[in-house]
Amino acid sequence: MRFRFGMILGFSVGYILGTRAGRERYEQIVRAFKKLRRTEPVQRAAEISKEFLGNGMTTASERIRSAVQGSS
């Protein structure tokens, strides 16, 4: 959840700075962000986050299923 919030916050700040600085600066920010996304540490963090969220979703669905079956 923190990762998603950080991404949204980063995008928002980049957008605001880009609109204030003009189109050229905005394009620079976008290129820098895309370059950053391709770096190994960011890729690793994204994979860890996906795995963590996937495990969390599996656990949550199992708990919901058992709660629904238990109440029947």
PDB file of N, CA and C in Angstrom:
ATOM      1  N   MET A   1       0.818  -1.178   0.000  1.00  0.00           N
ATOM      2  CA  MET A   1       0.000   0.000   0.000  1.00  0.00           C
ATOM      3  C   MET A   1       0.873   1.257   0.000  1.00  0.00           C
ATOM      4  N   ARG A   2       1.970   1.207   0.750  1.00  0.00           N
ATOM      5  CA  ARG A   2       2.875   2.361   0.774  1.00  0.00           C
ATOM      6  C   ARG A   2       3.485   2.616  -0.598  1.00  0.00           C
ATOM      7  N   PHE A   3       3.821   1.518  -1.275  1.00  0.00           N
ATOM      8  CA  PHE A   3       4.440   1.646  -2.595  1.00  0.00           C
ATOM      9  C   PHE A   3       3.492   2.349  -3.556  1.00  0.00           C
ATOM     10  N   ARG A   4       2.231   1.944  -3.539  1.00  0.00           N
ATOM     11  CA  ARG A   4       1.236   2.554  -4.429  1.00  0.00           C
ATOM     12  C   ARG A   4       1.067   4.032  -4.090  1.00  0.00           C
ATOM     13  N   PHE A   5       0.983   4.331  -2.792  1.00  0.00           N
ATOM     14  CA  PHE A   5       0.848   5.722  -2.370  1.00  0.00           C
ATOM     15  C   PHE A   5       2.056   6.536  -2.824  1.00  0.00           C
ATOM     16  N   GLY A   6       3.246   5.954  -2.681  1.00  0.00           N
ATOM     17  CA  GLY A   6       4.460   6.641  -3.113  1.00  0.00           C
ATOM     18  C   GLY A   6       4.478   6.896  -4.608  1.00  0.00           C
ATOM     19  N   MET A   7       4.012   5.922  -5.368  1.00  0.00           N
ATOM     20  CA  MET A   7       3.965   6.091  -6.823  1.00  0.00           C
ATOM     21  C   MET A   7       2.977   7.192  -7.207  1.00  0.00           C
ATOM     22  N   ILE A   8       1.815   7.188  -6.571  1.00  0.00           N
ATOM     23  CA  ILE A   8       0.805   8.214  -6.874  1.00  0.00           C
ATOM     24  C   ILE A   8       1.322   9.586  -6.468  1.00  0.00           C
ATOM     25  N   LEU A   9       1.931   9.657  -5.302  1.00  0.00           N
ATOM     26  CA  LEU A   9       2.486  10.930  -4.841  1.00  0.00           C
ATOM     27  C   LEU A   9       3.574  11.418  -5.788  1.00  0.00           C
ATOM     28  N   GLY A  10       4.461  10.527  -6.185  1.00  0.00           N
ATOM     29  CA  GLY A  10       5.534  10.900  -7.099  1.00  0.00           C
ATOM     30  C   GLY A  10       5.012  11.372  -8.442  1.00  0.00           C
ATOM     31  N   PHE A  11       4.025  10.672  -8.957  1.00  0.00           N
ATOM     32  CA  PHE A  11       3.425  11.077 -10.229  1.00  0.00           C
ATOM     33  C   PHE A  11       2.771  12.450 -10.097  1.00  0.00           C
ATOM     34  N   SER A  12       2.060  12.650  -9.003  1.00  0.00           N
ATOM     35  CA  SER A  12       1.368  13.935  -8.791  1.00  0.00           C
ATOM     36  C   SER A  12       2.353  15.091  -8.708  1.00  0.00           C
ATOM     37  N   VAL A  13       3.401  14.903  -7.941  1.00  0.00           N
ATOM     38  CA  VAL A  13       4.409  15.955  -7.810  1.00  0.00           C
ATOM     39  C   VAL A  13       5.062  16.224  -9.164  1.00  0.00           C
ATOM     40  N   GLY A  14       5.379  15.166  -9.889  1.00  0.00           N
ATOM     41  CA  GLY A  14       5.966  15.335 -11.219  1.00  0.00           C
ATOM     42  C   GLY A  14       5.041  16.076 -12.159  1.00  0.00           C
ATOM     43  N   TYR A  15       3.783  15.761 -12.082  1.00  0.00           N
ATOM     44  CA  TYR A  15       2.801  16.433 -12.943  1.00  0.00           C
ATOM     45  C   TYR A  15       2.716  17.923 -12.614  1.00  0.00           C
ATOM     46  N   ILE A  16       2.623  18.218 -11.325  1.00  0.00           N
ATOM     47  CA  ILE A  16       2.514  19.625 -10.914  1.00  0.00           C
ATOM     48  C   ILE A  16       3.770  20.396 -11.313  1.00  0.00           C
ATOM     49  N   LEU A  17       4.926  19.826 -11.019  1.00  0.00           N
ATOM     50  CA  LEU A  17       6.171  20.502 -11.396  1.00  0.00           C
ATOM     51  C   LEU A  17       6.260  20.660 -12.909  1.00  0.00           C
ATOM     52  N   GLY A  18       5.838  19.647 -13.621  1.00  0.00           N
ATOM     53  CA  GLY A  18       5.895  19.699 -15.079  1.00  0.00           C
ATOM     54  C   GLY A  18       4.984  20.760 -15.660  1.00  0.00           C
ATOM     55  N   THR A  19       3.793  20.894 -15.118  1.00  0.00           N
ATOM     56  CA  THR A  19       2.873  21.894 -15.656  1.00  0.00           C
ATOM     57  C   THR A  19       3.342  23.299 -15.336  1.00  0.00           C
ATOM     58  N   ARG A  20       3.995  23.467 -14.215  1.00  0.00           N
ATOM     59  CA  ARG A  20       4.495  24.799 -13.861  1.00  0.00           C
ATOM     60  C   ARG A  20       5.756  25.150 -14.636  1.00  0.00           C
ATOM     61  N   ALA A  21       6.552  24.158 -14.946  1.00  0.00           N
ATOM     62  CA  ALA A  21       7.820  24.411 -15.610  1.00  0.00           C
ATOM     63  C   ALA A  21       7.693  24.407 -17.133  1.00  0.00           C
ATOM     64  N   GLY A  22       6.573  23.964 -17.637  1.00  0.00           N
ATOM     65  CA  GLY A  22       6.383  23.909 -19.079  1.00  0.00           C
ATOM     66  C   GLY A  22       6.489  22.505 -19.614  1.00  0.00           C
ATOM     67  N   ARG A  23       6.122  22.360 -20.850  1.00  0.00           N
ATOM     68  CA  ARG A  23       6.052  21.051 -21.490  1.00  0.00           C
ATOM     69  C   ARG A  23       7.417  20.368 -21.588  1.00  0.00           C
ATOM     70  N   GLU A  24       8.432  21.128 -21.919  1.00  0.00           N
ATOM     71  CA  GLU A  24       9.770  20.544 -22.069  1.00  0.00           C
ATOM     72  C   GLU A  24      10.262  19.947 -20.747  1.00  0.00           C
ATOM     73  N   ARG A  25      10.092  20.689 -19.669  1.00  0.00           N
ATOM     74  CA  ARG A  25      10.518  20.190 -18.357  1.00  0.00           C
ATOM     75  C   ARG A  25       9.696  18.964 -17.954  1.00  0.00           C
ATOM     76  N   TYR A  26       8.415  19.009 -18.264  1.00  0.00           N
ATOM     77  CA  TYR A  26       7.542  17.872 -17.968  1.00  0.00           C
ATOM     78  C   TYR A  26       8.047  16.620 -18.692  1.00  0.00           C
ATOM     79  N   GLU A  27       8.415  16.763 -19.950  1.00  0.00           N
ATOM     80  CA  GLU A  27       8.943  15.629 -20.705  1.00  0.00           C
ATOM     81  C   GLU A  27      10.240  15.120 -20.091  1.00  0.00           C
ATOM     82  N   GLN A  28      11.078  16.007 -19.581  1.00  0.00           N
ATOM     83  CA  GLN A  28      12.313  15.587 -18.906  1.00  0.00           C
ATOM     84  C   GLN A  28      11.989  14.756 -17.669  1.00  0.00           C
ATOM     85  N   ILE A  29      11.009  15.220 -16.905  1.00  0.00           N
ATOM     86  CA  ILE A  29      10.618  14.504 -15.695  1.00  0.00           C
ATOM     87  C   ILE A  29      10.083  13.124 -16.053  1.00  0.00           C
ATOM     88  N   VAL A  30       9.259  13.041 -17.084  1.00  0.00           N
ATOM     89  CA  VAL A  30       8.698  11.759 -17.513  1.00  0.00           C
ATOM     90  C   VAL A  30       9.808  10.816 -17.952  1.00  0.00           C
ATOM     91  N   ARG A  31      10.754  11.312 -18.729  1.00  0.00           N
ATOM     92  CA  ARG A  31      11.871  10.463 -19.167  1.00  0.00           C
ATOM     93  C   ARG A  31      12.693   9.978 -17.981  1.00  0.00           C
ATOM     94  N   ALA A  32      12.947  10.857 -17.014  1.00  0.00           N
ATOM     95  CA  ALA A  32      13.716  10.468 -15.825  1.00  0.00           C
ATOM     96  C   ALA A  32      12.963   9.406 -15.021  1.00  0.00           C
ATOM     97  N   PHE A  33      11.652   9.569 -14.897  1.00  0.00           N
ATOM     98  CA  PHE A  33      10.849   8.595 -14.166  1.00  0.00           C
ATOM     99  C   PHE A  33      10.882   7.236 -14.865  1.00  0.00           C
ATOM    100  N   LYS A  34      10.743   7.230 -16.179  1.00  0.00           N
ATOM    101  CA  LYS A  34      10.774   5.969 -16.924  1.00  0.00           C
ATOM    102  C   LYS A  34      12.142   5.302 -16.808  1.00  0.00           C
ATOM    103  N   LYS A  35      13.186   6.104 -16.823  1.00  0.00           N
ATOM    104  CA  LYS A  35      14.535   5.564 -16.675  1.00  0.00           C
ATOM    105  C   LYS A  35      14.714   4.961 -15.280  1.00  0.00           C
ATOM    106  N   LEU A  36      14.198   5.649 -14.275  1.00  0.00           N
ATOM    107  CA  LEU A  36      14.282   5.155 -12.903  1.00  0.00           C
ATOM    108  C   LEU A  36      13.539   3.838 -12.748  1.00  0.00           C
ATOM    109  N   ARG A  37      12.368   3.726 -13.378  1.00  0.00           N
ATOM    110  CA  ARG A  37      11.575   2.493 -13.287  1.00  0.00           C
ATOM    111  C   ARG A  37      12.318   1.294 -13.839  1.00  0.00           C
ATOM    112  N   ARG A  38      13.218   1.507 -14.770  1.00  0.00           N
ATOM    113  CA  ARG A  38      13.948   0.394 -15.385  1.00  0.00           C
ATOM    114  C   ARG A  38      15.182  -0.028 -14.596  1.00  0.00           C
ATOM    115  N   THR A  39      15.512   0.665 -13.520  1.00  0.00           N
ATOM    116  CA  THR A  39      16.700   0.304 -12.745  1.00  0.00           C
ATOM    117  C   THR A  39      16.457  -0.972 -11.947  1.00  0.00           C
ATOM    118  N   GLU A  40      17.522  -1.672 -11.662  1.00  0.00           N
ATOM    119  CA  GLU A  40      17.436  -2.952 -10.961  1.00  0.00           C
ATOM    120  C   GLU A  40      16.807  -2.830  -9.567  1.00  0.00           C
ATOM    121  N   PRO A  41      17.187  -1.873  -8.734  1.00  0.00           N
ATOM    122  CA  PRO A  41      16.560  -1.793  -7.402  1.00  0.00           C
ATOM    123  C   PRO A  41      15.045  -1.545  -7.467  1.00  0.00           C
ATOM    124  N   VAL A  42      14.621  -0.730  -8.395  1.00  0.00           N
ATOM    125  CA  VAL A  42      13.185  -0.456  -8.517  1.00  0.00           C
ATOM    126  C   VAL A  42      12.462  -1.693  -9.034  1.00  0.00           C
ATOM    127  N   GLN A  43      13.053  -2.389  -9.987  1.00  0.00           N
ATOM    128  CA  GLN A  43      12.454  -3.619 -10.496  1.00  0.00           C
ATOM    129  C   GLN A  43      12.333  -4.664  -9.385  1.00  0.00           C
ATOM    130  N   ARG A  44      13.392  -4.774  -8.579  1.00  0.00           N
ATOM    131  CA  ARG A  44      13.382  -5.725  -7.470  1.00  0.00           C
ATOM    132  C   ARG A  44      12.289  -5.374  -6.462  1.00  0.00           C
ATOM    133  N   ALA A  45      12.178  -4.078  -6.132  1.00  0.00           N
ATOM    134  CA  ALA A  45      11.146  -3.627  -5.191  1.00  0.00           C
ATOM    135  C   ALA A  45       9.747  -3.896  -5.749  1.00  0.00           C
ATOM    136  N   ALA A  46       9.571  -3.711  -7.029  1.00  0.00           N
ATOM    137  CA  ALA A  46       8.269  -3.967  -7.654  1.00  0.00           C
ATOM    138  C   ALA A  46       7.916  -5.447  -7.578  1.00  0.00           C
ATOM    139  N   GLU A  47       8.889  -6.315  -7.829  1.00  0.00           N
ATOM    140  CA  GLU A  47       8.641  -7.754  -7.754  1.00  0.00           C
ATOM    141  C   GLU A  47       8.309  -8.184  -6.330  1.00  0.00           C
ATOM    142  N   ILE A  48       9.042  -7.650  -5.361  1.00  0.00           N
ATOM    143  CA  ILE A  48       8.766  -7.968  -3.960  1.00  0.00           C
ATOM    144  C   ILE A  48       7.369  -7.502  -3.579  1.00  0.00           C
ATOM    145  N   SER A  49       7.005  -6.325  -4.033  1.00  0.00           N
ATOM    146  CA  SER A  49       5.668  -5.786  -3.733  1.00  0.00           C
ATOM    147  C   SER A  49       4.584  -6.651  -4.352  1.00  0.00           C
ATOM    148  N   LYS A  50       4.780  -7.056  -5.600  1.00  0.00           N
ATOM    149  CA  LYS A  50       3.786  -7.909  -6.266  1.00  0.00           C
ATOM    150  C   LYS A  50       3.629  -9.226  -5.522  1.00  0.00           C
ATOM    151  N   GLU A  51       4.749  -9.812  -5.120  1.00  0.00           N
ATOM    152  CA  GLU A  51       4.705 -11.078  -4.388  1.00  0.00           C
ATOM    153  C   GLU A  51       3.995 -10.893  -3.051  1.00  0.00           C
ATOM    154  N   PHE A  52       4.333  -9.828  -2.350  1.00  0.00           N
ATOM    155  CA  PHE A  52       3.721  -9.547  -1.054  1.00  0.00           C
ATOM    156  C   PHE A  52       2.214  -9.357  -1.197  1.00  0.00           C
ATOM    157  N   LEU A  53       1.809  -8.571  -2.188  1.00  0.00           N
ATOM    158  CA  LEU A  53       0.383  -8.330  -2.402  1.00  0.00           C
ATOM    159  C   LEU A  53      -0.339  -9.600  -2.839  1.00  0.00           C
ATOM    160  N   GLY A  54       0.314 -10.395  -3.660  1.00  0.00           N
ATOM    161  CA  GLY A  54      -0.291 -11.658  -4.088  1.00  0.00           C
ATOM    162  C   GLY A  54      -0.525 -12.590  -2.911  1.00  0.00           C
ATOM    163  N   ASN A  55       0.479 -12.690  -2.024  1.00  0.00           N
ATOM    164  CA  ASN A  55       0.334 -13.531  -0.834  1.00  0.00           C
ATOM    165  C   ASN A  55      -0.753 -12.984   0.075  1.00  0.00           C
ATOM    166  N   GLY A  56      -0.825 -11.682   0.198  1.00  0.00           N
ATOM    167  CA  GLY A  56      -1.851 -11.060   1.034  1.00  0.00           C
ATOM    168  C   GLY A  56      -3.243 -11.307   0.493  1.00  0.00           C
ATOM    169  N   MET A  57      -3.386 -11.230  -0.818  1.00  0.00           N
ATOM    170  CA  MET A  57      -4.693 -11.484  -1.438  1.00  0.00           C
ATOM    171  C   MET A  57      -5.101 -12.940  -1.255  1.00  0.00           C
ATOM    172  N   THR A  58      -4.151 -13.855  -1.377  1.00  0.00           N
ATOM    173  CA  THR A  58      -4.450 -15.267  -1.171  1.00  0.00           C
ATOM    174  C   THR A  58      -4.901 -15.513   0.264  1.00  0.00           C
ATOM    175  N   THR A  59      -4.182 -14.961   1.219  1.00  0.00           N
ATOM    176  CA  THR A  59      -4.544 -15.115   2.625  1.00  0.00           C
ATOM    177  C   THR A  59      -5.906 -14.510   2.905  1.00  0.00           C
ATOM    178  N   ALA A  60      -6.152 -13.324   2.377  1.00  0.00           N
ATOM    179  CA  ALA A  60      -7.438 -12.661   2.596  1.00  0.00           C
ATOM    180  C   ALA A  60      -8.584 -13.473   2.010  1.00  0.00           C
ATOM    181  N   SER A  61      -8.413 -13.991   0.807  1.00  0.00           N
ATOM    182  CA  SER A  61      -9.496 -14.773   0.194  1.00  0.00           C
ATOM    183  C   SER A  61      -9.741 -16.066   0.968  1.00  0.00           C
ATOM    184  N   GLU A  62      -8.677 -16.686   1.479  1.00  0.00           N
ATOM    185  CA  GLU A  62      -8.846 -17.900   2.282  1.00  0.00           C
ATOM    186  C   GLU A  62      -9.599 -17.596   3.565  1.00  0.00           C
ATOM    187  N   ARG A  63      -9.274 -16.490   4.201  1.00  0.00           N
ATOM    188  CA  ARG A  63      -9.960 -16.124   5.443  1.00  0.00           C
ATOM    189  C   ARG A  63     -11.424 -15.775   5.187  1.00  0.00           C
ATOM    190  N   ILE A  64     -11.684 -15.093   4.106  1.00  0.00           N
ATOM    191  CA  ILE A  64     -13.073 -14.769   3.776  1.00  0.00           C
ATOM    192  C   ILE A  64     -13.845 -16.047   3.488  1.00  0.00           C
ATOM    193  N   ARG A  65     -13.238 -16.940   2.712  1.00  0.00           N
ATOM    194  CA  ARG A  65     -13.905 -18.206   2.388  1.00  0.00           C
ATOM    195  C   ARG A  65     -14.223 -18.995   3.656  1.00  0.00           C
ATOM    196  N   SER A  66     -13.252 -19.088   4.565  1.00  0.00           N
ATOM    197  CA  SER A  66     -13.496 -19.846   5.790  1.00  0.00           C
ATOM    198  C   SER A  66     -14.521 -19.149   6.681  1.00  0.00           C
ATOM    199  N   ALA A  67     -14.543 -17.823   6.680  1.00  0.00           N
ATOM    200  CA  ALA A  67     -15.532 -17.094   7.471  1.00  0.00           C
ATOM    201  C   ALA A  67     -16.936 -17.303   6.918  1.00  0.00           C
ATOM    202  N   VAL A  68     -17.049 -17.304   5.604  1.00  0.00           N
ATOM    203  CA  VAL A  68     -18.358 -17.510   4.971  1.00  0.00           C
ATOM    204  C   VAL A  68     -18.833 -18.937   5.209  1.00  0.00           C
ATOM    205  N   GLN A  69     -17.939 -19.904   5.073  1.00  0.00           N
ATOM    206  CA  GLN A  69     -18.306 -21.305   5.302  1.00  0.00           C
ATOM    207  C   GLN A  69     -18.641 -21.549   6.766  1.00  0.00           C
ATOM    208  N   GLY A  70     -17.936 -20.881   7.660  1.00  0.00           N
ATOM    209  CA  GLY A  70     -18.168 -21.046   9.092  1.00  0.00           C
ATOM    210  C   GLY A  70     -19.496 -20.464   9.542  1.00  0.00           C
ATOM    211  N   SER A  71     -19.969 -19.427   8.852  1.00  0.00           N
ATOM    212  CA  SER A  71     -21.224 -18.801   9.252  1.00  0.00           C
ATOM    213  C   SER A  71     -22.431 -19.491   8.658  1.00  0.00           C
ATOM    214  N   SER A  72     -22.216 -20.396   7.715  1.00  0.00           N
ATOM    215  CA  SER A  72     -23.347 -21.081   7.058  1.00  0.00           C
ATOM    216  C   SER A  72     -23.911 -22.192   7.883  1.00  0.00           C
TER     217      SER A  72
END
